[in-house]
Amino acid sequence: MFTEYMIKWDLLPDGEPIRTHSSRLLPVRRHGVPAMLKVAQDPEERFGAQLMAWSGLSAAWILETGETPDIDIDIGRMAAEALRQK
């Protein structure tokens, strides 16, 4: 379950997997930086993850660039605008 993401993002396991009612989590490290890999199982959780990635609010992006967004992102407004454009 975690292998695809660990390879894609160059992650190393750093603890035991954690199971919740909606997700599977794994403590990891990327280039020595601790992080938590979350794989959503619940449809609502998966939709939320897709929406965050679409809006640019992605932990993978932050780990890759080393930068944190310095702006407030109005995800609801952005999603509504995207739907209107379809």
Protein backbone atom coordinates (compact mmCIF):
# COMPACT_ATOMS: atom_id res chain seq x y z
CA MET A 1 0.00 0.00 0.00
CA PHE A 2 2.78 2.47 0.85
CA THR A 3 5.43 1.25 -1.60
CA GLU A 4 4.30 3.29 -4.62
CA TYR A 5 4.43 6.56 -2.67
CA MET A 6 7.67 5.72 -0.88
CA ILE A 7 9.41 5.15 -4.21
CA LYS A 8 7.81 8.19 -5.87
CA TRP A 9 8.80 10.58 -3.06
CA ASP A 10 12.04 8.90 -1.94
CA LEU A 11 10.74 8.08 1.54
CA LEU A 12 12.18 5.75 4.17
CA PRO A 13 10.00 4.11 6.84
CA ASP A 14 10.52 5.53 10.32
CA GLY A 15 8.07 3.58 12.46
CA GLU A 16 5.19 1.16 12.44
CA PRO A 17 2.09 1.64 10.26
CA ILE A 18 -0.95 3.19 11.92
CA ARG A 19 -4.50 2.27 10.97
CA THR A 20 -7.48 4.58 11.52
CA HIS A 21 -11.10 4.23 10.43
CA SER A 22 -10.44 6.33 7.31
CA SER A 23 -6.71 6.12 6.53
CA ARG A 24 -3.46 4.23 6.73
CA LEU A 25 -0.47 6.20 8.01
CA LEU A 26 3.24 5.52 8.11
CA PRO A 27 5.91 7.57 9.87
CA VAL A 28 8.61 8.27 7.26
CA ARG A 29 11.70 10.36 6.60
CA ARG A 30 12.64 12.13 3.40
CA HIS A 31 16.28 13.17 3.25
CA GLY A 32 16.34 13.04 7.04
CA VAL A 33 13.20 15.15 7.49
CA PRO A 34 10.44 13.40 9.48
CA ALA A 35 6.99 13.27 7.90
CA MET A 36 3.82 11.20 7.93
CA LEU A 37 2.64 9.36 4.82
CA LYS A 38 -1.16 9.19 4.76
CA VAL A 39 -3.09 6.97 2.35
CA ALA A 40 -6.79 7.75 2.61
CA GLN A 41 -9.23 4.83 2.42
CA ASP A 42 -12.50 6.67 2.94
CA PRO A 43 -13.99 8.28 -0.22
CA GLU A 44 -14.44 11.65 1.50
CA GLU A 45 -10.85 11.61 2.75
CA ARG A 46 -9.61 10.74 -0.74
CA PHE A 47 -11.63 13.57 -2.27
CA GLY A 48 -10.19 15.98 0.29
CA ALA A 49 -6.65 14.87 -0.57
CA GLN A 50 -7.32 15.35 -4.28
CA LEU A 51 -8.77 18.80 -3.64
CA MET A 52 -5.76 19.84 -1.56
CA ALA A 53 -3.33 18.61 -4.23
CA TRP A 54 -5.33 20.37 -6.96
CA SER A 55 -5.22 23.64 -5.01
CA GLY A 56 -1.46 23.41 -4.54
CA LEU A 57 -1.72 22.68 -0.82
CA SER A 58 0.31 19.49 -1.02
CA ALA A 59 2.71 18.18 1.59
CA ALA A 60 4.60 16.38 -1.18
CA TRP A 61 5.16 19.72 -2.89
CA ILE A 62 6.35 21.30 0.36
CA LEU A 63 8.79 18.44 0.97
CA GLU A 64 10.05 18.67 -2.61
CA THR A 65 10.63 22.43 -2.69
CA GLY A 66 11.38 23.05 0.97
CA GLU A 67 9.04 26.04 0.79
CA THR A 68 5.79 26.54 2.64
CA PRO A 69 2.96 28.51 1.09
CA ASP A 70 2.74 32.03 2.49
CA ILE A 71 -0.83 32.60 1.33
CA ASP A 72 -4.29 31.68 2.46
CA ILE A 73 -5.96 29.42 -0.06
CA ASP A 74 -9.73 29.64 -0.35
CA ILE A 75 -10.29 26.08 -1.56
CA GLY A 76 -14.07 26.40 -1.63
CA ARG A 77 -13.92 29.45 -3.88
CA MET A 78 -11.35 27.84 -6.15
CA ALA A 79 -13.41 24.66 -6.51
CA ALA A 80 -16.58 26.63 -7.27
CA GLU A 81 -14.76 28.63 -9.96
CA ALA A 82 -13.37 25.45 -11.52
CA LEU A 83 -16.83 23.88 -11.62
CA ARG A 84 -18.30 26.99 -13.27
CA GLN A 85 -15.67 26.78 -16.01
CA LYS A 86 -16.73 23.27 -17.04
